[in-house]
Every structure is written in structure tokens, then in C-alpha cells.
Amino acid sequence: MKKGTRNALLGFIAGAAAGTLTGILVAPDKGEKTRKKIGKKVKDTSKEVTETLGEKVDYVKEKLNEVIDEMRTKKEEVEKEVKEKAKAGA
């Protein structure tokens, strides 16, 4: 994951969490109800972060596999070319 993408994702998460907590804490609810809301929001945010990171990890794995396959193909092409040149020079 690019550093800029990671920073943007972390900034978004931090901003969303701060905004949610601020909204909950300034709301005129009882302490118990506020704690339940905070707990629910933490669980929801954690789930969203886990899903987003999972998607990013899957994307990176997919791209890495594509690069590996491409490198294998190029390696095989170079090996074939070297063998052909070796035969021609022999």
C-alpha cells in the first residue's frame, strides 16, 4: 500500500472516530447509555477498518501474484533465448 494511501486511510479513520466520539460525548444522554453508544461505535469502526484493511491486503496479494507470474514468464523467455544463442554459437 502506498504511503499516501495509508496516511489518507488512517486520517479518515481518526477523523471519523474523533467526530463520532465528540458527537456522543456532547449528547445529553446518561453515562450508561453513552458508554453503550461508544462501545457500539468502537465495534462498528473496528469492523469497518478490518474489512478495509482486508480488502487492501487482498489487492496487494493479487498485484504481487501478477508481478511474480510476469517475472516467471520473462525468466522463461530469457532462458529460452540464452539456450538458443548457446546452440547457435556451439
PDB file of N, CA and C in Angstrom:
ATOM      1  N   MET A   1       0.848  -1.154   0.000  1.00  0.00           N
ATOM      2  CA  MET A   1       0.000   0.000   0.000  1.00  0.00           C
ATOM      3  C   MET A   1       0.904   1.231   0.000  1.00  0.00           C
ATOM      4  N   LYS A   2       0.605   2.207  -0.840  1.00  0.00           N
ATOM      5  CA  LYS A   2       1.399   3.413  -0.904  1.00  0.00           C
ATOM      6  C   LYS A   2       1.281   4.185   0.393  1.00  0.00           C
ATOM      7  N   LYS A   3       2.341   4.898   0.725  1.00  0.00           N
ATOM      8  CA  LYS A   3       2.369   5.648   1.976  1.00  0.00           C
ATOM      9  C   LYS A   3       1.261   6.694   2.012  1.00  0.00           C
ATOM     10  N   GLY A   4       1.017   7.360   0.902  1.00  0.00           N
ATOM     11  CA  GLY A   4      -0.040   8.373   0.841  1.00  0.00           C
ATOM     12  C   GLY A   4      -1.419   7.766   1.054  1.00  0.00           C
ATOM     13  N   THR A   5      -1.656   6.598   0.477  1.00  0.00           N
ATOM     14  CA  THR A   5      -2.939   5.912   0.643  1.00  0.00           C
ATOM     15  C   THR A   5      -3.125   5.494   2.089  1.00  0.00           C
ATOM     16  N   ARG A   6      -2.052   4.958   2.680  1.00  0.00           N
ATOM     17  CA  ARG A   6      -2.124   4.525   4.071  1.00  0.00           C
ATOM     18  C   ARG A   6      -2.388   5.716   4.985  1.00  0.00           C
ATOM     19  N   ASN A   7      -1.697   6.832   4.747  1.00  0.00           N
ATOM     20  CA  ASN A   7      -1.903   8.019   5.569  1.00  0.00           C
ATOM     21  C   ASN A   7      -3.316   8.571   5.411  1.00  0.00           C
ATOM     22  N   ALA A   8      -3.826   8.561   4.192  1.00  0.00           N
ATOM     23  CA  ALA A   8      -5.188   9.042   3.967  1.00  0.00           C
ATOM     24  C   ALA A   8      -6.195   8.146   4.681  1.00  0.00           C
ATOM     25  N   LEU A   9      -5.980   6.842   4.614  1.00  0.00           N
ATOM     26  CA  LEU A   9      -6.884   5.898   5.280  1.00  0.00           C
ATOM     27  C   LEU A   9      -6.845   6.100   6.789  1.00  0.00           C
ATOM     28  N   LEU A  10      -5.655   6.218   7.342  1.00  0.00           N
ATOM     29  CA  LEU A  10      -5.529   6.436   8.784  1.00  0.00           C
ATOM     30  C   LEU A  10      -6.130   7.775   9.200  1.00  0.00           C
ATOM     31  N   GLY A  11      -5.941   8.794   8.380  1.00  0.00           N
ATOM     32  CA  GLY A  11      -6.536  10.104   8.668  1.00  0.00           C
ATOM     33  C   GLY A  11      -8.049  10.049   8.655  1.00  0.00           C
ATOM     34  N   PHE A  12      -8.592   9.339   7.670  1.00  0.00           N
ATOM     35  CA  PHE A  12     -10.044   9.188   7.596  1.00  0.00           C
ATOM     36  C   PHE A  12     -10.582   8.470   8.828  1.00  0.00           C
ATOM     37  N   ILE A  13      -9.918   7.392   9.200  1.00  0.00           N
ATOM     38  CA  ILE A  13     -10.351   6.610  10.366  1.00  0.00           C
ATOM     39  C   ILE A  13     -10.278   7.455  11.634  1.00  0.00           C
ATOM     40  N   ALA A  14      -9.171   8.162  11.805  1.00  0.00           N
ATOM     41  CA  ALA A  14      -9.005   9.001  13.001  1.00  0.00           C
ATOM     42  C   ALA A  14     -10.062  10.109  13.033  1.00  0.00           C
ATOM     43  N   GLY A  15     -10.311  10.726  11.902  1.00  0.00           N
ATOM     44  CA  GLY A  15     -11.322  11.785  11.831  1.00  0.00           C
ATOM     45  C   GLY A  15     -12.720  11.271  12.127  1.00  0.00           C
ATOM     46  N   ALA A  16     -13.033  10.111  11.569  1.00  0.00           N
ATOM     47  CA  ALA A  16     -14.353   9.526  11.812  1.00  0.00           C
ATOM     48  C   ALA A  16     -14.523   9.171  13.284  1.00  0.00           C
ATOM     49  N   ALA A  17     -13.484   8.605  13.870  1.00  0.00           N
ATOM     50  CA  ALA A  17     -13.545   8.229  15.287  1.00  0.00           C
ATOM     51  C   ALA A  17     -13.676   9.465  16.171  1.00  0.00           C
ATOM     52  N   ALA A  18     -12.888  10.480  15.885  1.00  0.00           N
ATOM     53  CA  ALA A  18     -12.942  11.706  16.689  1.00  0.00           C
ATOM     54  C   ALA A  18     -14.309  12.374  16.569  1.00  0.00           C
ATOM     55  N   GLY A  19     -14.834  12.441  15.373  1.00  0.00           N
ATOM     56  CA  GLY A  19     -16.144  13.044  15.171  1.00  0.00           C
ATOM     57  C   GLY A  19     -17.248  12.276  15.877  1.00  0.00           C
ATOM     58  N   THR A  20     -17.186  10.980  15.790  1.00  0.00           N
ATOM     59  CA  THR A  20     -18.189  10.138  16.442  1.00  0.00           C
ATOM     60  C   THR A  20     -18.128  10.292  17.952  1.00  0.00           C
ATOM     61  N   LEU A  21     -16.936  10.213  18.508  1.00  0.00           N
ATOM     62  CA  LEU A  21     -16.792  10.344  19.957  1.00  0.00           C
ATOM     63  C   LEU A  21     -17.221  11.726  20.443  1.00  0.00           C
ATOM     64  N   THR A  22     -16.872  12.749  19.704  1.00  0.00           N
ATOM     65  CA  THR A  22     -17.284  14.099  20.088  1.00  0.00           C
ATOM     66  C   THR A  22     -18.803  14.205  20.090  1.00  0.00           C
ATOM     67  N   GLY A  23     -19.428  13.693  19.057  1.00  0.00           N
ATOM     68  CA  GLY A  23     -20.891  13.729  18.975  1.00  0.00           C
ATOM     69  C   GLY A  23     -21.545  12.983  20.122  1.00  0.00           C
ATOM     70  N   ILE A  24     -20.990  11.843  20.458  1.00  0.00           N
ATOM     71  CA  ILE A  24     -21.560  11.045  21.545  1.00  0.00           C
ATOM     72  C   ILE A  24     -21.346  11.724  22.893  1.00  0.00           C
ATOM     73  N   LEU A  25     -20.154  12.255  23.110  1.00  0.00           N
ATOM     74  CA  LEU A  25     -19.825  12.831  24.413  1.00  0.00           C
ATOM     75  C   LEU A  25     -20.577  14.133  24.705  1.00  0.00           C
ATOM     76  N   VAL A  26     -20.925  14.881  23.686  1.00  0.00           N
ATOM     77  CA  VAL A  26     -21.660  16.127  23.925  1.00  0.00           C
ATOM     78  C   VAL A  26     -23.173  15.922  23.892  1.00  0.00           C
ATOM     79  N   ALA A  27     -23.599  14.721  23.568  1.00  0.00           N
ATOM     80  CA  ALA A  27     -25.035  14.421  23.554  1.00  0.00           C
ATOM     81  C   ALA A  27     -25.552  14.354  24.992  1.00  0.00           C
ATOM     82  N   PRO A  28     -26.779  14.788  25.200  1.00  0.00           N
ATOM     83  CA  PRO A  28     -27.334  14.822  26.564  1.00  0.00           C
ATOM     84  C   PRO A  28     -27.912  13.479  27.013  1.00  0.00           C
ATOM     85  N   ASP A  29     -27.109  12.423  27.003  1.00  0.00           N
ATOM     86  CA  ASP A  29     -27.571  11.111  27.450  1.00  0.00           C
ATOM     87  C   ASP A  29     -26.934  10.765  28.799  1.00  0.00           C
ATOM     88  N   LYS A  30     -27.510   9.776  29.446  1.00  0.00           N
ATOM     89  CA  LYS A  30     -26.945   9.277  30.697  1.00  0.00           C
ATOM     90  C   LYS A  30     -25.621   8.573  30.406  1.00  0.00           C
ATOM     91  N   GLY A  31     -24.783   8.459  31.433  1.00  0.00           N
ATOM     92  CA  GLY A  31     -23.462   7.844  31.283  1.00  0.00           C
ATOM     93  C   GLY A  31     -23.513   6.430  30.746  1.00  0.00           C
ATOM     94  N   GLU A  32     -24.438   5.629  31.257  1.00  0.00           N
ATOM     95  CA  GLU A  32     -24.526   4.232  30.815  1.00  0.00           C
ATOM     96  C   GLU A  32     -24.884   4.151  29.336  1.00  0.00           C
ATOM     97  N   LYS A  33     -25.811   4.980  28.939  1.00  0.00           N
ATOM     98  CA  LYS A  33     -26.234   4.982  27.538  1.00  0.00           C
ATOM     99  C   LYS A  33     -25.090   5.476  26.642  1.00  0.00           C
ATOM    100  N   THR A  34     -24.365   6.471  27.118  1.00  0.00           N
ATOM    101  CA  THR A  34     -23.231   6.996  26.356  1.00  0.00           C
ATOM    102  C   THR A  34     -22.150   5.934  26.209  1.00  0.00           C
ATOM    103  N   ARG A  35     -21.861   5.208  27.273  1.00  0.00           N
ATOM    104  CA  ARG A  35     -20.850   4.147  27.205  1.00  0.00           C
ATOM    105  C   ARG A  35     -21.270   3.056  26.224  1.00  0.00           C
ATOM    106  N   LYS A  36     -22.546   2.717  26.210  1.00  0.00           N
ATOM    107  CA  LYS A  36     -23.030   1.710  25.253  1.00  0.00           C
ATOM    108  C   LYS A  36     -22.855   2.204  23.820  1.00  0.00           C
ATOM    109  N   LYS A  37     -23.167   3.488  23.601  1.00  0.00           N
ATOM    110  CA  LYS A  37     -23.009   4.050  22.257  1.00  0.00           C
ATOM    111  C   LYS A  37     -21.545   4.022  21.829  1.00  0.00           C
ATOM    112  N   ILE A  38     -20.660   4.399  22.752  1.00  0.00           N
ATOM    113  CA  ILE A  38     -19.235   4.394  22.435  1.00  0.00           C
ATOM    114  C   ILE A  38     -18.778   2.974  22.119  1.00  0.00           C
ATOM    115  N   GLY A  39     -19.195   2.020  22.926  1.00  0.00           N
ATOM    116  CA  GLY A  39     -18.840   0.625  22.687  1.00  0.00           C
ATOM    117  C   GLY A  39     -19.308   0.138  21.334  1.00  0.00           C
ATOM    118  N   LYS A  40     -20.537   0.482  20.977  1.00  0.00           N
ATOM    119  CA  LYS A  40     -21.084   0.072  19.679  1.00  0.00           C
ATOM    120  C   LYS A  40     -20.305   0.721  18.535  1.00  0.00           C
ATOM    121  N   LYS A  41     -20.012   2.000  18.682  1.00  0.00           N
ATOM    122  CA  LYS A  41     -19.266   2.693  17.625  1.00  0.00           C
ATOM    123  C   LYS A  41     -17.856   2.126  17.480  1.00  0.00           C
ATOM    124  N   VAL A  42     -17.230   1.795  18.597  1.00  0.00           N
ATOM    125  CA  VAL A  42     -15.894   1.198  18.538  1.00  0.00           C
ATOM    126  C   VAL A  42     -15.949  -0.133  17.794  1.00  0.00           C
ATOM    127  N   LYS A  43     -16.934  -0.958  18.101  1.00  0.00           N
ATOM    128  CA  LYS A  43     -17.071  -2.244  17.410  1.00  0.00           C
ATOM    129  C   LYS A  43     -17.312  -2.047  15.921  1.00  0.00           C
ATOM    130  N   ASP A  44     -18.231  -1.107  15.588  1.00  0.00           N
ATOM    131  CA  ASP A  44     -18.546  -0.853  14.183  1.00  0.00           C
ATOM    132  C   ASP A  44     -17.321  -0.345  13.428  1.00  0.00           C
ATOM    133  N   THR A  45     -16.609   0.613  14.043  1.00  0.00           N
ATOM    134  CA  THR A  45     -15.429   1.172  13.392  1.00  0.00           C
ATOM    135  C   THR A  45     -14.350   0.114  13.241  1.00  0.00           C
ATOM    136  N   SER A  46     -14.166  -0.707  14.251  1.00  0.00           N
ATOM    137  CA  SER A  46     -13.185  -1.784  14.191  1.00  0.00           C
ATOM    138  C   SER A  46     -13.513  -2.748  13.055  1.00  0.00           C
ATOM    139  N   LYS A  47     -14.780  -3.075  12.921  1.00  0.00           N
ATOM    140  CA  LYS A  47     -15.211  -3.978  11.849  1.00  0.00           C
ATOM    141  C   LYS A  47     -14.929  -3.350  10.482  1.00  0.00           C
ATOM    142  N   GLU A  48     -15.241  -2.064  10.328  1.00  0.00           N
ATOM    143  CA  GLU A  48     -15.012  -1.377   9.057  1.00  0.00           C
ATOM    144  C   GLU A  48     -13.522  -1.331   8.722  1.00  0.00           C
ATOM    145  N   VAL A  49     -12.695  -1.035   9.719  1.00  0.00           N
ATOM    146  CA  VAL A  49     -11.254  -0.969   9.498  1.00  0.00           C
ATOM    147  C   VAL A  49     -10.731  -2.344   9.098  1.00  0.00           C
ATOM    148  N   THR A  50     -11.181  -3.372   9.786  1.00  0.00           N
ATOM    149  CA  THR A  50     -10.746  -4.732   9.472  1.00  0.00           C
ATOM    150  C   THR A  50     -11.119  -5.099   8.043  1.00  0.00           C
ATOM    151  N   GLU A  51     -12.343  -4.776   7.647  1.00  0.00           N
ATOM    152  CA  GLU A  51     -12.786  -5.088   6.289  1.00  0.00           C
ATOM    153  C   GLU A  51     -11.977  -4.314   5.258  1.00  0.00           C
ATOM    154  N   THR A  52     -11.752  -3.019   5.519  1.00  0.00           N
ATOM    155  CA  THR A  52     -10.997  -2.193   4.578  1.00  0.00           C
ATOM    156  C   THR A  52      -9.568  -2.688   4.445  1.00  0.00           C
ATOM    157  N   LEU A  53      -8.928  -2.975   5.570  1.00  0.00           N
ATOM    158  CA  LEU A  53      -7.559  -3.485   5.515  1.00  0.00           C
ATOM    159  C   LEU A  53      -7.501  -4.844   4.837  1.00  0.00           C
ATOM    160  N   GLY A  54      -8.500  -5.681   5.087  1.00  0.00           N
ATOM    161  CA  GLY A  54      -8.563  -6.982   4.418  1.00  0.00           C
ATOM    162  C   GLY A  54      -8.638  -6.830   2.916  1.00  0.00           C
ATOM    163  N   GLU A  55      -9.446  -5.872   2.469  1.00  0.00           N
ATOM    164  CA  GLU A  55      -9.560  -5.620   1.031  1.00  0.00           C
ATOM    165  C   GLU A  55      -8.229  -5.142   0.459  1.00  0.00           C
ATOM    166  N   LYS A  56      -7.555  -4.266   1.183  1.00  0.00           N
ATOM    167  CA  LYS A  56      -6.266  -3.751   0.708  1.00  0.00           C
ATOM    168  C   LYS A  56      -5.222  -4.873   0.667  1.00  0.00           C
ATOM    169  N   VAL A  57      -5.214  -5.723   1.673  1.00  0.00           N
ATOM    170  CA  VAL A  57      -4.272  -6.846   1.693  1.00  0.00           C
ATOM    171  C   VAL A  57      -4.544  -7.775   0.512  1.00  0.00           C
ATOM    172  N   ASP A  58      -5.814  -8.064   0.246  1.00  0.00           N
ATOM    173  CA  ASP A  58      -6.161  -8.913  -0.889  1.00  0.00           C
ATOM    174  C   ASP A  58      -5.703  -8.286  -2.208  1.00  0.00           C
ATOM    175  N   TYR A  59      -5.883  -6.977  -2.326  1.00  0.00           N
ATOM    176  CA  TYR A  59      -5.473  -6.264  -3.538  1.00  0.00           C
ATOM    177  C   TYR A  59      -3.962  -6.370  -3.727  1.00  0.00           C
ATOM    178  N   VAL A  60      -3.204  -6.140  -2.646  1.00  0.00           N
ATOM    179  CA  VAL A  60      -1.749  -6.209  -2.722  1.00  0.00           C
ATOM    180  C   VAL A  60      -1.303  -7.623  -3.076  1.00  0.00           C
ATOM    181  N   LYS A  61      -1.930  -8.639  -2.478  1.00  0.00           N
ATOM    182  CA  LYS A  61      -1.591 -10.028  -2.801  1.00  0.00           C
ATOM    183  C   LYS A  61      -1.829 -10.313  -4.286  1.00  0.00           C
ATOM    184  N   GLU A  62      -2.956  -9.842  -4.783  1.00  0.00           N
ATOM    185  CA  GLU A  62      -3.291 -10.071  -6.185  1.00  0.00           C
ATOM    186  C   GLU A  62      -2.254  -9.428  -7.106  1.00  0.00           C
ATOM    187  N   LYS A  63      -1.892  -8.188  -6.808  1.00  0.00           N
ATOM    188  CA  LYS A  63      -0.906  -7.490  -7.638  1.00  0.00           C
ATOM    189  C   LYS A  63       0.466  -8.158  -7.540  1.00  0.00           C
ATOM    190  N   LEU A  64       0.829  -8.595  -6.359  1.00  0.00           N
ATOM    191  CA  LEU A  64       2.107  -9.281  -6.172  1.00  0.00           C
ATOM    192  C   LEU A  64       2.144 -10.579  -6.972  1.00  0.00           C
ATOM    193  N   ASN A  65       1.053 -11.325  -6.958  1.00  0.00           N
ATOM    194  CA  ASN A  65       0.991 -12.563  -7.745  1.00  0.00           C
ATOM    195  C   ASN A  65       1.104 -12.277  -9.231  1.00  0.00           C
ATOM    196  N   GLU A  66       0.502 -11.173  -9.683  1.00  0.00           N
ATOM    197  CA  GLU A  66       0.604 -10.803 -11.094  1.00  0.00           C
ATOM    198  C   GLU A  66       2.058 -10.502 -11.459  1.00  0.00           C
ATOM    199  N   VAL A  67       2.749  -9.777 -10.583  1.00  0.00           N
ATOM    200  CA  VAL A  67       4.153  -9.446 -10.838  1.00  0.00           C
ATOM    201  C   VAL A  67       4.997 -10.718 -10.850  1.00  0.00           C
ATOM    202  N   ILE A  68       4.753 -11.606  -9.912  1.00  0.00           N
ATOM    203  CA  ILE A  68       5.511 -12.863  -9.848  1.00  0.00           C
ATOM    204  C   ILE A  68       5.298 -13.678 -11.122  1.00  0.00           C
ATOM    205  N   ASP A  69       4.043 -13.782 -11.566  1.00  0.00           N
ATOM    206  CA  ASP A  69       3.762 -14.521 -12.801  1.00  0.00           C
ATOM    207  C   ASP A  69       4.470 -13.887 -14.001  1.00  0.00           C
ATOM    208  N   GLU A  70       4.456 -12.571 -14.055  1.00  0.00           N
ATOM    209  CA  GLU A  70       5.112 -11.870 -15.160  1.00  0.00           C
ATOM    210  C   GLU A  70       6.626 -12.110 -15.131  1.00  0.00           C
ATOM    211  N   MET A  71       7.207 -12.076 -13.950  1.00  0.00           N
ATOM    212  CA  MET A  71       8.648 -12.305 -13.826  1.00  0.00           C
ATOM    213  C   MET A  71       9.010 -13.741 -14.217  1.00  0.00           C
ATOM    214  N   ARG A  72       8.174 -14.698 -13.847  1.00  0.00           N
ATOM    215  CA  ARG A  72       8.431 -16.093 -14.240  1.00  0.00           C
ATOM    216  C   ARG A  72       8.405 -16.233 -15.759  1.00  0.00           C
ATOM    217  N   THR A  73       7.421 -15.606 -16.373  1.00  0.00           N
ATOM    218  CA  THR A  73       7.301 -15.672 -17.823  1.00  0.00           C
ATOM    219  C   THR A  73       8.538 -15.066 -18.485  1.00  0.00           C
ATOM    220  N   LYS A  74       8.975 -13.916 -17.993  1.00  0.00           N
ATOM    221  CA  LYS A  74      10.158 -13.265 -18.568  1.00  0.00           C
ATOM    222  C   LYS A  74      11.398 -14.116 -18.347  1.00  0.00           C
ATOM    223  N   LYS A  75      11.517 -14.737 -17.194  1.00  0.00           N
ATOM    224  CA  LYS A  75      12.659 -15.616 -16.889  1.00  0.00           C
ATOM    225  C   LYS A  75      12.700 -16.768 -17.887  1.00  0.00           C
ATOM    226  N   GLU A  76      11.545 -17.374 -18.132  1.00  0.00           N
ATOM    227  CA  GLU A  76      11.481 -18.491 -19.076  1.00  0.00           C
ATOM    228  C   GLU A  76      11.860 -18.037 -20.486  1.00  0.00           C
ATOM    229  N   GLU A  77      11.418 -16.845 -20.873  1.00  0.00           N
ATOM    230  CA  GLU A  77      11.750 -16.324 -22.197  1.00  0.00           C
ATOM    231  C   GLU A  77      13.252 -16.091 -22.329  1.00  0.00           C
ATOM    232  N   VAL A  78      13.859 -15.525 -21.272  1.00  0.00           N
ATOM    233  CA  VAL A  78      15.299 -15.261 -21.301  1.00  0.00           C
ATOM    234  C   VAL A  78      16.071 -16.576 -21.339  1.00  0.00           C
ATOM    235  N   GLU A  79      15.651 -17.561 -20.541  1.00  0.00           N
ATOM    236  CA  GLU A  79      16.328 -18.866 -20.553  1.00  0.00           C
ATOM    237  C   GLU A  79      16.286 -19.485 -21.949  1.00  0.00           C
ATOM    238  N   LYS A  80      15.135 -19.407 -22.569  1.00  0.00           N
ATOM    239  CA  LYS A  80      14.975 -19.976 -23.916  1.00  0.00           C
ATOM    240  C   LYS A  80      15.894 -19.253 -24.899  1.00  0.00           C
ATOM    241  N   GLU A  81      15.941 -17.936 -24.800  1.00  0.00           N
ATOM    242  CA  GLU A  81      16.778 -17.137 -25.689  1.00  0.00           C
ATOM    243  C   GLU A  81      18.265 -17.453 -25.493  1.00  0.00           C
ATOM    244  N   VAL A  82      18.669 -17.605 -24.238  1.00  0.00           N
ATOM    245  CA  VAL A  82      20.074 -17.925 -23.940  1.00  0.00           C
ATOM    246  C   VAL A  82      20.429 -19.301 -24.493  1.00  0.00           C
ATOM    247  N   LYS A  83      19.556 -20.267 -24.310  1.00  0.00           N
ATOM    248  CA  LYS A  83      19.809 -21.614 -24.834  1.00  0.00           C
ATOM    249  C   LYS A  83      19.927 -21.602 -26.354  1.00  0.00           C
ATOM    250  N   GLU A  84      19.054 -20.839 -27.002  1.00  0.00           N
ATOM    251  CA  GLU A  84      19.104 -20.762 -28.470  1.00  0.00           C
ATOM    252  C   GLU A  84      20.426 -20.136 -28.943  1.00  0.00           C
ATOM    253  N   LYS A  85      20.847 -19.079 -28.239  1.00  0.00           N
ATOM    254  CA  LYS A  85      22.111 -18.431 -28.616  1.00  0.00           C
ATOM    255  C   LYS A  85      23.302 -19.342 -28.338  1.00  0.00           C
ATOM    256  N   ALA A  86      23.212 -20.112 -27.258  1.00  0.00           N
ATOM    257  CA  ALA A  86      24.284 -21.043 -26.929  1.00  0.00           C
ATOM    258  C   ALA A  86      24.403 -22.127 -28.014  1.00  0.00           C
ATOM    259  N   LYS A  87      23.249 -22.623 -28.465  1.00  0.00           N
ATOM    260  CA  LYS A  87      23.264 -23.633 -29.534  1.00  0.00           C
ATOM    261  C   LYS A  87      23.818 -23.055 -30.830  1.00  0.00           C
ATOM    262  N   ALA A  88      23.429 -21.824 -31.120  1.00  0.00           N
ATOM    263  CA  ALA A  88      23.887 -21.181 -32.364  1.00  0.00           C
ATOM    264  C   ALA A  88      25.392 -20.927 -32.325  1.00  0.00           C
ATOM    265  N   GLY A  89      25.930 -20.641 -31.138  1.00  0.00           N
ATOM    266  CA  GLY A  89      27.357 -20.372 -31.006  1.00  0.00           C
ATOM    267  C   GLY A  89      28.207 -21.630 -30.916  1.00  0.00           C
ATOM    268  N   ALA A  90      27.591 -22.752 -30.666  1.00  0.00           N
ATOM    269  CA  ALA A  90      28.353 -24.001 -30.477  1.00  0.00           C
ATOM    270  C   ALA A  90      28.791 -24.611 -31.769  1.00  0.00           C
TER     271      ALA A  90
END
